Amino acid sequence: MKSTSLILNLNEVGMQDLEIVGGKNASLGEMIQNLSALGIAIPGGFIVTVKAYREFTSYNKLDQIIPELI
């Protein structure tokens, strides 16, 4: 299930996954899915999901430090 994953392949996501992977990653996923068939080479990759980022920042108490620094 995408919503609980911490890492996903770029070719697995699209604009329907915006809240899970963020805008840039969702767009890259769309590009891979739609432009590869046209012969446009787009390198694959992986995504650290929003859930993974939030768990990391929470565990390391960065979710408290970052707002103070900003």
PDB file of N, CA and C in Angstrom:
ATOM      1  N   MET A   1       0.847  -1.183   0.000  1.00  0.00           N
ATOM      2  CA  MET A   1       0.000   0.000   0.000  1.00  0.00           C
ATOM      3  C   MET A   1       0.887   1.238   0.000  1.00  0.00           C
ATOM      4  N   LYS A   2       0.659   2.126  -0.949  1.00  0.00           N
ATOM      5  CA  LYS A   2       1.510   3.296  -1.109  1.00  0.00           C
ATOM      6  C   LYS A   2       1.505   4.211   0.107  1.00  0.00           C
ATOM      7  N   SER A   3       0.344   4.380   0.729  1.00  0.00           N
ATOM      8  CA  SER A   3       0.230   5.362   1.812  1.00  0.00           C
ATOM      9  C   SER A   3       1.027   4.986   3.048  1.00  0.00           C
ATOM     10  N   THR A   4       1.425   3.731   3.181  1.00  0.00           N
ATOM     11  CA  THR A   4       2.216   3.324   4.347  1.00  0.00           C
ATOM     12  C   THR A   4       3.676   3.054   3.997  1.00  0.00           C
ATOM     13  N   SER A   5       4.016   3.135   2.721  1.00  0.00           N
ATOM     14  CA  SER A   5       5.389   2.870   2.290  1.00  0.00           C
ATOM     15  C   SER A   5       6.307   4.026   2.660  1.00  0.00           C
ATOM     16  N   LEU A   6       7.560   3.701   2.877  1.00  0.00           N
ATOM     17  CA  LEU A   6       8.556   4.728   3.162  1.00  0.00           C
ATOM     18  C   LEU A   6       9.375   5.062   1.921  1.00  0.00           C
ATOM     19  N   ILE A   7       9.514   4.089   1.025  1.00  0.00           N
ATOM     20  CA  ILE A   7      10.257   4.281  -0.216  1.00  0.00           C
ATOM     21  C   ILE A   7       9.444   3.675  -1.354  1.00  0.00           C
ATOM     22  N   LEU A   8       9.365   4.396  -2.463  1.00  0.00           N
ATOM     23  CA  LEU A   8       8.651   3.929  -3.647  1.00  0.00           C
ATOM     24  C   LEU A   8       9.519   4.149  -4.881  1.00  0.00           C
ATOM     25  N   ASN A   9       9.292   3.367  -5.926  1.00  0.00           N
ATOM     26  CA  ASN A   9       9.938   3.598  -7.207  1.00  0.00           C
ATOM     27  C   ASN A   9       9.213   4.721  -7.925  1.00  0.00           C
ATOM     28  N   LEU A  10       9.960   5.537  -8.644  1.00  0.00           N
ATOM     29  CA  LEU A  10       9.347   6.645  -9.374  1.00  0.00           C
ATOM     30  C   LEU A  10       8.299   6.167 -10.370  1.00  0.00           C
ATOM     31  N   ASN A  11       8.536   5.007 -10.988  1.00  0.00           N
ATOM     32  CA  ASN A  11       7.594   4.540 -12.001  1.00  0.00           C
ATOM     33  C   ASN A  11       6.285   4.016 -11.409  1.00  0.00           C
ATOM     34  N   GLU A  12       6.160   4.014 -10.097  1.00  0.00           N
ATOM     35  CA  GLU A  12       4.942   3.551  -9.425  1.00  0.00           C
ATOM     36  C   GLU A  12       3.978   4.675  -9.061  1.00  0.00           C
ATOM     37  N   VAL A  13       4.402   5.916  -9.250  1.00  0.00           N
ATOM     38  CA  VAL A  13       3.594   7.030  -8.748  1.00  0.00           C
ATOM     39  C   VAL A  13       3.177   7.972  -9.873  1.00  0.00           C
ATOM     40  N   GLY A  14       2.151   8.748  -9.586  1.00  0.00           N
ATOM     41  CA  GLY A  14       1.672   9.769 -10.509  1.00  0.00           C
ATOM     42  C   GLY A  14       0.985  10.865  -9.726  1.00  0.00           C
ATOM     43  N   MET A  15       0.263  11.709 -10.423  1.00  0.00           N
ATOM     44  CA  MET A  15      -0.376  12.856  -9.783  1.00  0.00           C
ATOM     45  C   MET A  15      -1.408  12.440  -8.738  1.00  0.00           C
ATOM     46  N   GLN A  16      -1.940  11.228  -8.842  1.00  0.00           N
ATOM     47  CA  GLN A  16      -2.898  10.747  -7.841  1.00  0.00           C
ATOM     48  C   GLN A  16      -2.220  10.509  -6.489  1.00  0.00           C
ATOM     49  N   ASP A  17      -0.880  10.504  -6.461  1.00  0.00           N
ATOM     50  CA  ASP A  17      -0.120  10.249  -5.238  1.00  0.00           C
ATOM     51  C   ASP A  17       0.524  11.511  -4.670  1.00  0.00           C
ATOM     52  N   LEU A  18       0.022  12.637  -5.062  1.00  0.00           N
ATOM     53  CA  LEU A  18       0.596  13.930  -4.686  1.00  0.00           C
ATOM     54  C   LEU A  18       0.824  14.077  -3.186  1.00  0.00           C
ATOM     55  N   GLU A  19      -0.146  13.716  -2.373  1.00  0.00           N
ATOM     56  CA  GLU A  19      -0.026  13.884  -0.918  1.00  0.00           C
ATOM     57  C   GLU A  19       0.968  12.907  -0.295  1.00  0.00           C
ATOM     58  N   ILE A  20       1.250  11.818  -0.982  1.00  0.00           N
ATOM     59  CA  ILE A  20       2.152  10.795  -0.451  1.00  0.00           C
ATOM     60  C   ILE A  20       3.606  11.082  -0.813  1.00  0.00           C
ATOM     61  N   VAL A  21       3.820  11.631  -2.035  1.00  0.00           N
ATOM     62  CA  VAL A  21       5.192  11.775  -2.529  1.00  0.00           C
ATOM     63  C   VAL A  21       5.613  13.205  -2.839  1.00  0.00           C
ATOM     64  N   GLY A  22       4.683  14.146  -2.802  1.00  0.00           N
ATOM     65  CA  GLY A  22       5.009  15.528  -3.121  1.00  0.00           C
ATOM     66  C   GLY A  22       4.891  15.802  -4.616  1.00  0.00           C
ATOM     67  N   GLY A  23       4.871  17.052  -4.966  1.00  0.00           N
ATOM     68  CA  GLY A  23       4.629  17.475  -6.333  1.00  0.00           C
ATOM     69  C   GLY A  23       5.697  17.103  -7.335  1.00  0.00           C
ATOM     70  N   LYS A  24       6.957  17.331  -6.998  1.00  0.00           N
ATOM     71  CA  LYS A  24       8.031  17.033  -7.954  1.00  0.00           C
ATOM     72  C   LYS A  24       8.118  15.545  -8.241  1.00  0.00           C
ATOM     73  N   ASN A  25       8.014  14.737  -7.201  1.00  0.00           N
ATOM     74  CA  ASN A  25       8.078  13.289  -7.400  1.00  0.00           C
ATOM     75  C   ASN A  25       6.882  12.782  -8.190  1.00  0.00           C
ATOM     76  N   ALA A  26       5.699  13.297  -7.896  1.00  0.00           N
ATOM     77  CA  ALA A  26       4.505  12.900  -8.640  1.00  0.00           C
ATOM     78  C   ALA A  26       4.661  13.256 -10.113  1.00  0.00           C
ATOM     79  N   SER A  27       5.202  14.434 -10.395  1.00  0.00           N
ATOM     80  CA  SER A  27       5.419  14.863 -11.781  1.00  0.00           C
ATOM     81  C   SER A  27       6.442  13.983 -12.486  1.00  0.00           C
ATOM     82  N   LEU A  28       7.524  13.645 -11.796  1.00  0.00           N
ATOM     83  CA  LEU A  28       8.529  12.755 -12.389  1.00  0.00           C
ATOM     84  C   LEU A  28       7.932  11.391 -12.698  1.00  0.00           C
ATOM     85  N   GLY A  29       7.119  10.879 -11.806  1.00  0.00           N
ATOM     86  CA  GLY A  29       6.445   9.604 -12.051  1.00  0.00           C
ATOM     87  C   GLY A  29       5.558   9.668 -13.284  1.00  0.00           C
ATOM     88  N   GLU A  30       4.826  10.762 -13.419  1.00  0.00           N
ATOM     89  CA  GLU A  30       3.983  10.956 -14.599  1.00  0.00           C
ATOM     90  C   GLU A  30       4.820  10.997 -15.871  1.00  0.00           C
ATOM     91  N   MET A  31       5.935  11.703 -15.814  1.00  0.00           N
ATOM     92  CA  MET A  31       6.803  11.798 -16.987  1.00  0.00           C
ATOM     93  C   MET A  31       7.318  10.421 -17.395  1.00  0.00           C
ATOM     94  N   ILE A  32       7.771   9.635 -16.439  1.00  0.00           N
ATOM     95  CA  ILE A  32       8.280   8.296 -16.737  1.00  0.00           C
ATOM     96  C   ILE A  32       7.187   7.453 -17.381  1.00  0.00           C
ATOM     97  N   GLN A  33       5.997   7.496 -16.814  1.00  0.00           N
ATOM     98  CA  GLN A  33       4.902   6.667 -17.312  1.00  0.00           C
ATOM     99  C   GLN A  33       4.419   7.097 -18.697  1.00  0.00           C
ATOM    100  N   ASN A  34       4.444   8.386 -18.978  1.00  0.00           N
ATOM    101  CA  ASN A  34       3.850   8.876 -20.220  1.00  0.00           C
ATOM    102  C   ASN A  34       4.842   9.167 -21.335  1.00  0.00           C
ATOM    103  N   LEU A  35       6.066   9.491 -21.005  1.00  0.00           N
ATOM    104  CA  LEU A  35       7.017   9.865 -22.044  1.00  0.00           C
ATOM    105  C   LEU A  35       7.932   8.723 -22.472  1.00  0.00           C
ATOM    106  N   SER A  36       8.104   7.722 -21.632  1.00  0.00           N
ATOM    107  CA  SER A  36       8.959   6.592 -21.980  1.00  0.00           C
ATOM    108  C   SER A  36       8.451   5.889 -23.237  1.00  0.00           C
ATOM    109  N   ALA A  37       7.141   5.769 -23.377  1.00  0.00           N
ATOM    110  CA  ALA A  37       6.550   5.116 -24.551  1.00  0.00           C
ATOM    111  C   ALA A  37       6.834   5.895 -25.836  1.00  0.00           C
ATOM    112  N   LEU A  38       7.134   7.182 -25.696  1.00  0.00           N
ATOM    113  CA  LEU A  38       7.451   8.013 -26.862  1.00  0.00           C
ATOM    114  C   LEU A  38       8.942   7.998 -27.191  1.00  0.00           C
ATOM    115  N   GLY A  39       9.703   7.208 -26.442  1.00  0.00           N
ATOM    116  CA  GLY A  39      11.136   7.103 -26.694  1.00  0.00           C
ATOM    117  C   GLY A  39      11.980   8.121 -25.950  1.00  0.00           C
ATOM    118  N   ILE A  40      11.378   8.865 -25.059  1.00  0.00           N
ATOM    119  CA  ILE A  40      12.127   9.845 -24.263  1.00  0.00           C
ATOM    120  C   ILE A  40      12.664   9.129 -23.034  1.00  0.00           C
ATOM    121  N   ALA A  41      13.987   9.113 -22.913  1.00  0.00           N
ATOM    122  CA  ALA A  41      14.629   8.388 -21.817  1.00  0.00           C
ATOM    123  C   ALA A  41      14.642   9.237 -20.549  1.00  0.00           C
ATOM    124  N   ILE A  42      14.002   8.737 -19.544  1.00  0.00           N
ATOM    125  CA  ILE A  42      13.977   9.401 -18.238  1.00  0.00           C
ATOM    126  C   ILE A  42      14.517   8.395 -17.231  1.00  0.00           C
ATOM    127  N   PRO A  43      15.592   8.752 -16.527  1.00  0.00           N
ATOM    128  CA  PRO A  43      16.171   7.806 -15.575  1.00  0.00           C
ATOM    129  C   PRO A  43      15.188   7.439 -14.466  1.00  0.00           C
ATOM    130  N   GLY A  44      15.227   6.196 -14.051  1.00  0.00           N
ATOM    131  CA  GLY A  44      14.409   5.754 -12.928  1.00  0.00           C
ATOM    132  C   GLY A  44      15.018   6.232 -11.626  1.00  0.00           C
ATOM    133  N   GLY A  45      14.351   5.952 -10.573  1.00  0.00           N
ATOM    134  CA  GLY A  45      14.847   6.348  -9.265  1.00  0.00           C
ATOM    135  C   GLY A  45      13.865   5.937  -8.193  1.00  0.00           C
ATOM    136  N   PHE A  46      14.115   6.431  -7.004  1.00  0.00           N
ATOM    137  CA  PHE A  46      13.235   6.110  -5.894  1.00  0.00           C
ATOM    138  C   PHE A  46      12.846   7.380  -5.170  1.00  0.00           C
ATOM    139  N   ILE A  47      11.812   7.251  -4.370  1.00  0.00           N
ATOM    140  CA  ILE A  47      11.252   8.380  -3.628  1.00  0.00           C
ATOM    141  C   ILE A  47      11.269   8.051  -2.143  1.00  0.00           C
ATOM    142  N   VAL A  48      11.741   8.978  -1.356  1.00  0.00           N
ATOM    143  CA  VAL A  48      11.545   8.915   0.087  1.00  0.00           C
ATOM    144  C   VAL A  48      10.215   9.630   0.323  1.00  0.00           C
ATOM    145  N   THR A  49       9.227   8.909   0.801  1.00  0.00           N
ATOM    146  CA  THR A  49       7.878   9.449   0.902  1.00  0.00           C
ATOM    147  C   THR A  49       7.754  10.515   1.990  1.00  0.00           C
ATOM    148  N   VAL A  50       6.652  11.231   1.947  1.00  0.00           N
ATOM    149  CA  VAL A  50       6.349  12.232   2.966  1.00  0.00           C
ATOM    150  C   VAL A  50       6.287  11.560   4.341  1.00  0.00           C
ATOM    151  N   LYS A  51       5.714  10.366   4.401  1.00  0.00           N
ATOM    152  CA  LYS A  51       5.634   9.614   5.662  1.00  0.00           C
ATOM    153  C   LYS A  51       7.037   9.333   6.209  1.00  0.00           C
ATOM    154  N   ALA A  52       7.949   8.927   5.354  1.00  0.00           N
ATOM    155  CA  ALA A  52       9.321   8.647   5.786  1.00  0.00           C
ATOM    156  C   ALA A  52       9.986   9.914   6.326  1.00  0.00           C
ATOM    157  N   TYR A  53       9.807  11.016   5.603  1.00  0.00           N
ATOM    158  CA  TYR A  53      10.377  12.286   6.044  1.00  0.00           C
ATOM    159  C   TYR A  53       9.829  12.689   7.414  1.00  0.00           C
ATOM    160  N   ARG A  54       8.537  12.571   7.579  1.00  0.00           N
ATOM    161  CA  ARG A  54       7.927  12.968   8.862  1.00  0.00           C
ATOM    162  C   ARG A  54       8.374  12.060  10.003  1.00  0.00           C
ATOM    163  N   GLU A  55       8.473  10.769   9.748  1.00  0.00           N
ATOM    164  CA  GLU A  55       8.953   9.850  10.784  1.00  0.00           C
ATOM    165  C   GLU A  55      10.393  10.166  11.166  1.00  0.00           C
ATOM    166  N   PHE A  56      11.234  10.447  10.172  1.00  0.00           N
ATOM    167  CA  PHE A  56      12.632  10.785  10.430  1.00  0.00           C
ATOM    168  C   PHE A  56      12.752  12.057  11.251  1.00  0.00           C
ATOM    169  N   THR A  57      12.045  13.104  10.838  1.00  0.00           N
ATOM    170  CA  THR A  57      12.157  14.371  11.565  1.00  0.00           C
ATOM    171  C   THR A  57      11.573  14.261  12.971  1.00  0.00           C
ATOM    172  N   SER A  58      10.506  13.504  13.127  1.00  0.00           N
ATOM    173  CA  SER A  58       9.906  13.317  14.444  1.00  0.00           C
ATOM    174  C   SER A  58      10.839  12.531  15.362  1.00  0.00           C
ATOM    175  N   TYR A  59      11.369  11.433  14.872  1.00  0.00           N
ATOM    176  CA  TYR A  59      12.258  10.582  15.670  1.00  0.00           C
ATOM    177  C   TYR A  59      13.489  11.359  16.156  1.00  0.00           C
ATOM    178  N   ASN A  60      14.015  12.203  15.298  1.00  0.00           N
ATOM    179  CA  ASN A  60      15.209  12.977  15.634  1.00  0.00           C
ATOM    180  C   ASN A  60      14.886  14.343  16.224  1.00  0.00           C
ATOM    181  N   LYS A  61      13.619  14.556  16.545  1.00  0.00           N
ATOM    182  CA  LYS A  61      13.131  15.805  17.144  1.00  0.00           C
ATOM    183  C   LYS A  61      13.409  17.033  16.278  1.00  0.00           C
ATOM    184  N   LEU A  62      13.608  16.789  14.997  1.00  0.00           N
ATOM    185  CA  LEU A  62      13.821  17.894  14.069  1.00  0.00           C
ATOM    186  C   LEU A  62      12.530  18.631  13.777  1.00  0.00           C
ATOM    187  N   ASP A  63      11.404  17.968  13.987  1.00  0.00           N
ATOM    188  CA  ASP A  63      10.116  18.630  13.770  1.00  0.00           C
ATOM    189  C   ASP A  63       9.900  19.761  14.768  1.00  0.00           C
ATOM    190  N   GLN A  64      10.645  19.745  15.861  1.00  0.00           N
ATOM    191  CA  GLN A  64      10.580  20.831  16.840  1.00  0.00           C
ATOM    192  C   GLN A  64      11.666  21.875  16.564  1.00  0.00           C
ATOM    193  N   ILE A  65      12.823  21.421  16.108  1.00  0.00           N
ATOM    194  CA  ILE A  65      13.969  22.311  15.895  1.00  0.00           C
ATOM    195  C   ILE A  65      13.824  23.144  14.629  1.00  0.00           C
ATOM    196  N   ILE A  66      13.382  22.522  13.533  1.00  0.00           N
ATOM    197  CA  ILE A  66      13.303  23.214  12.248  1.00  0.00           C
ATOM    198  C   ILE A  66      12.410  24.454  12.322  1.00  0.00           C
ATOM    199  N   PRO A  67      11.202  24.378  12.875  1.00  0.00           N
ATOM    200  CA  PRO A  67      10.375  25.602  12.947  1.00  0.00           C
ATOM    201  C   PRO A  67      11.029  26.708  13.773  1.00  0.00           C
ATOM    202  N   GLU A  68      11.763  26.345  14.798  1.00  0.00           N
ATOM    203  CA  GLU A  68      12.446  27.362  15.612  1.00  0.00           C
ATOM    204  C   GLU A  68      13.532  28.066  14.804  1.00  0.00           C
ATOM    205  N   LEU A  69      14.242  27.286  13.976  1.00  0.00           N
ATOM    206  CA  LEU A  69      15.314  27.865  13.174  1.00  0.00           C
ATOM    207  C   LEU A  69      14.785  28.733  12.043  1.00  0.00           C
ATOM    208  N   ILE A  70      13.628  28.367  11.538  1.00  0.00           N
ATOM    209  CA  ILE A  70      13.044  29.143  10.427  1.00  0.00           C
ATOM    210  C   ILE A  70      12.427  30.396  10.979  1.00  0.00           C
TER     211      ILE A  70
END
